[in-house]
C-alpha atoms as a PDB file:
ATOM      1  CA  MET A   1     -21.221  18.442 -26.262  1.00  0.00           C
ATOM      2  CA  LEU A   2     -21.363  14.768 -25.368  1.00  0.00           C
ATOM      3  CA  GLY A   3     -23.937  12.314 -26.625  1.00  0.00           C
ATOM      4  CA  GLU A   4     -26.760  10.895 -24.534  1.00  0.00           C
ATOM      5  CA  GLU A   5     -24.837   7.656 -23.925  1.00  0.00           C
ATOM      6  CA  GLU A   6     -21.921   9.490 -22.301  1.00  0.00           C
ATOM      7  CA  TYR A   7     -24.289  11.420 -20.030  1.00  0.00           C
ATOM      8  CA  GLU A   8     -26.031   8.169 -19.094  1.00  0.00           C
ATOM      9  CA  ARG A   9     -22.741   6.451 -18.160  1.00  0.00           C
ATOM     10  CA  THR A  10     -21.628   9.501 -16.178  1.00  0.00           C
ATOM     11  CA  ALA A  11     -24.943   9.541 -14.293  1.00  0.00           C
ATOM     12  CA  GLU A  12     -24.404   5.853 -13.473  1.00  0.00           C
ATOM     13  CA  LEU A  13     -20.940   6.717 -12.119  1.00  0.00           C
ATOM     14  CA  PHE A  14     -22.427   9.332  -9.806  1.00  0.00           C
ATOM     15  CA  GLY A  15     -25.107   6.836  -8.786  1.00  0.00           C
ATOM     16  CA  THR A  16     -22.407   4.358  -7.817  1.00  0.00           C
ATOM     17  CA  LEU A  17     -20.655   7.033  -5.766  1.00  0.00           C
ATOM     18  CA  ALA A  18     -23.916   8.157  -4.103  1.00  0.00           C
ATOM     19  CA  SER A  19     -23.094   6.199  -0.944  1.00  0.00           C
ATOM     20  CA  PRO A  20     -21.111   7.679   1.948  1.00  0.00           C
ATOM     21  CA  ARG A  21     -19.360   4.327   2.502  1.00  0.00           C
ATOM     22  CA  ARG A  22     -18.326   4.004  -1.149  1.00  0.00           C
ATOM     23  CA  LEU A  23     -17.016   7.579  -1.141  1.00  0.00           C
ATOM     24  CA  ALA A  24     -15.004   6.757   1.976  1.00  0.00           C
ATOM     25  CA  LEU A  25     -13.643   3.591   0.353  1.00  0.00           C
ATOM     26  CA  VAL A  26     -12.555   5.430  -2.788  1.00  0.00           C
ATOM     27  CA  GLU A  27     -10.959   8.185  -0.715  1.00  0.00           C
ATOM     28  CA  ARG A  28      -9.123   5.635   1.460  1.00  0.00           C
ATOM     29  CA  LEU A  29      -7.956   3.529  -1.497  1.00  0.00           C
ATOM     30  CA  ALA A  30      -6.756   6.647  -3.325  1.00  0.00           C
ATOM     31  CA  HIS A  31      -4.132   6.991  -0.591  1.00  0.00           C
ATOM     32  CA  ALA A  32      -2.926   3.384  -0.590  1.00  0.00           C
ATOM     33  CA  PRO A  33      -4.098  -0.119  -1.514  1.00  0.00           C
ATOM     34  CA  ALA A  34      -5.655  -2.107   1.342  1.00  0.00           C
ATOM     35  CA  SER A  35      -7.279  -5.397   2.253  1.00  0.00           C
ATOM     36  CA  VAL A  36     -10.919  -5.766   3.279  1.00  0.00           C
ATOM     37  CA  GLY A  37      -9.822  -6.150   6.894  1.00  0.00           C
ATOM     38  CA  GLU A  38      -7.763  -2.958   6.799  1.00  0.00           C
ATOM     39  CA  LEU A  39     -10.612  -1.069   5.151  1.00  0.00           C
ATOM     40  CA  ALA A  40     -13.130  -2.340   7.699  1.00  0.00           C
ATOM     41  CA  GLU A  41     -10.857  -1.260  10.535  1.00  0.00           C
ATOM     42  CA  ASP A  42     -10.131   2.153   8.995  1.00  0.00           C
ATOM     43  CA  LEU A  43     -13.821   2.870   8.325  1.00  0.00           C
ATOM     44  CA  GLY A  44     -15.089   1.287  11.534  1.00  0.00           C
ATOM     45  CA  VAL A  45     -17.575  -1.010   9.796  1.00  0.00           C
ATOM     46  CA  ALA A  46     -18.027  -4.763   9.455  1.00  0.00           C
ATOM     47  CA  GLN A  47     -16.018  -6.652   6.838  1.00  0.00           C
ATOM     48  CA  PRO A  48     -19.144  -8.027   5.070  1.00  0.00           C
ATOM     49  CA  LEU A  49     -20.403  -4.463   4.551  1.00  0.00           C
ATOM     50  CA  VAL A  50     -17.029  -3.396   3.136  1.00  0.00           C
ATOM     51  CA  SER A  51     -17.052  -6.425   0.827  1.00  0.00           C
ATOM     52  CA  GLN A  52     -20.546  -5.552  -0.391  1.00  0.00           C
ATOM     53  CA  HIS A  53     -19.528  -1.978  -1.246  1.00  0.00           C
ATOM     54  CA  LEU A  54     -16.306  -3.150  -2.884  1.00  0.00           C
ATOM     55  CA  ARG A  55     -18.355  -5.482  -5.071  1.00  0.00           C
ATOM     56  CA  VAL A  56     -20.372  -2.485  -6.326  1.00  0.00           C
ATOM     57  CA  LEU A  57     -17.193  -0.470  -6.947  1.00  0.00           C
ATOM     58  CA  ARG A  58     -15.562  -3.420  -8.749  1.00  0.00           C
ATOM     59  CA  HIS A  59     -18.648  -3.903 -10.926  1.00  0.00           C
ATOM     60  CA  ALA A  60     -18.402  -0.221 -11.904  1.00  0.00           C
ATOM     61  CA  ARG A  61     -14.688  -0.765 -12.637  1.00  0.00           C
ATOM     62  CA  LEU A  62     -13.643   1.885 -10.113  1.00  0.00           C
ATOM     63  CA  VAL A  63     -11.533  -0.445  -7.960  1.00  0.00           C
ATOM     64  CA  ARG A  64      -9.833  -3.781  -8.513  1.00  0.00           C
ATOM     65  CA  GLY A  65      -8.560  -6.518  -6.284  1.00  0.00           C
ATOM     66  CA  ARG A  66      -5.156  -8.149  -6.600  1.00  0.00           C
ATOM     67  CA  ARG A  67      -4.911 -11.615  -5.125  1.00  0.00           C
ATOM     68  CA  ASP A  68      -1.793 -12.682  -3.255  1.00  0.00           C
ATOM     69  CA  GLY A  69      -2.425 -16.204  -2.003  1.00  0.00           C
ATOM     70  CA  ARG A  70      -5.528 -15.991   0.183  1.00  0.00           C
ATOM     71  CA  SER A  71      -5.327 -12.231   0.609  1.00  0.00           C
ATOM     72  CA  VAL A  72      -6.842  -9.662  -1.765  1.00  0.00           C
ATOM     73  CA  THR A  73      -5.576  -6.094  -1.850  1.00  0.00           C
ATOM     74  CA  TYR A  74      -7.857  -3.459  -3.379  1.00  0.00           C
ATOM     75  CA  GLU A  75      -6.811  -0.330  -5.230  1.00  0.00           C
ATOM     76  CA  VAL A  76      -8.383   2.503  -7.203  1.00  0.00           C
ATOM     77  CA  VAL A  77      -8.411   1.809 -10.938  1.00  0.00           C
ATOM     78  CA  ASP A  78      -9.236   5.264 -12.240  1.00  0.00           C
ATOM     79  CA  GLU A  79      -7.368   8.245 -10.820  1.00  0.00           C
ATOM     80  CA  HIS A  80      -9.904  10.586 -12.444  1.00  0.00           C
ATOM     81  CA  VAL A  81     -12.590   9.205 -10.153  1.00  0.00           C
ATOM     82  CA  ALA A  82     -10.295   9.531  -7.138  1.00  0.00           C
ATOM     83  CA  HIS A  83      -9.800  13.193  -8.035  1.00  0.00           C
ATOM     84  CA  VAL A  84     -13.552  13.771  -8.452  1.00  0.00           C
ATOM     85  CA  VAL A  85     -14.154  12.286  -4.998  1.00  0.00           C
ATOM     86  CA  ALA A  86     -11.304  14.303  -3.458  1.00  0.00           C
ATOM     87  CA  ASP A  87     -12.584  17.517  -5.054  1.00  0.00           C
ATOM     88  CA  ALA A  88     -16.160  16.863  -3.922  1.00  0.00           C
ATOM     89  CA  LEU A  89     -15.009  16.189  -0.362  1.00  0.00           C
ATOM     90  CA  ALA A  90     -12.810  19.305  -0.392  1.00  0.00           C
ATOM     91  CA  HIS A  91     -15.794  21.312  -1.612  1.00  0.00           C
ATOM     92  CA  GLU A  92     -17.918  19.963   1.255  1.00  0.00           C
ATOM     93  CA  ARG A  93     -15.215  20.777   3.813  1.00  0.00           C
ATOM     94  CA  GLU A  94     -15.009  24.354   2.497  1.00  0.00           C
ATOM     95  CA  THR A  95     -18.789  24.696   2.396  1.00  0.00           C
ATOM     96  CA  ASP A  96     -19.132  23.220   5.879  1.00  0.00           C
ATOM     97  CA  GLY A  97     -16.742  25.852   7.223  1.00  0.00           C
ATOM     98  CA  ALA A  98     -18.898  28.605   5.719  1.00  0.00           C
ATOM     99  CA  ARG A  99     -22.091  27.391   7.458  1.00  0.00           C
END
């Protein structure tokens, strides 16, 4: 059994992922790195909103940005988290089909 600190950090992780937009960003970045502009286009939302969510994900150390001149490309840092998101979305798709 884990200690209280590990449960606390894990709860914070789920809190960070408790946004549909952040889940979509992690899912998208799990497939391939992308710029803010590409992510905004793929998700159909404004670039400032994407940047705001990426800031939260970066702070939680779930994604990172790699600068190339003026452009920044974002990628998933932790494949475990990408798998958790993929599994949760797969679960929802299966559950949705049973409704």
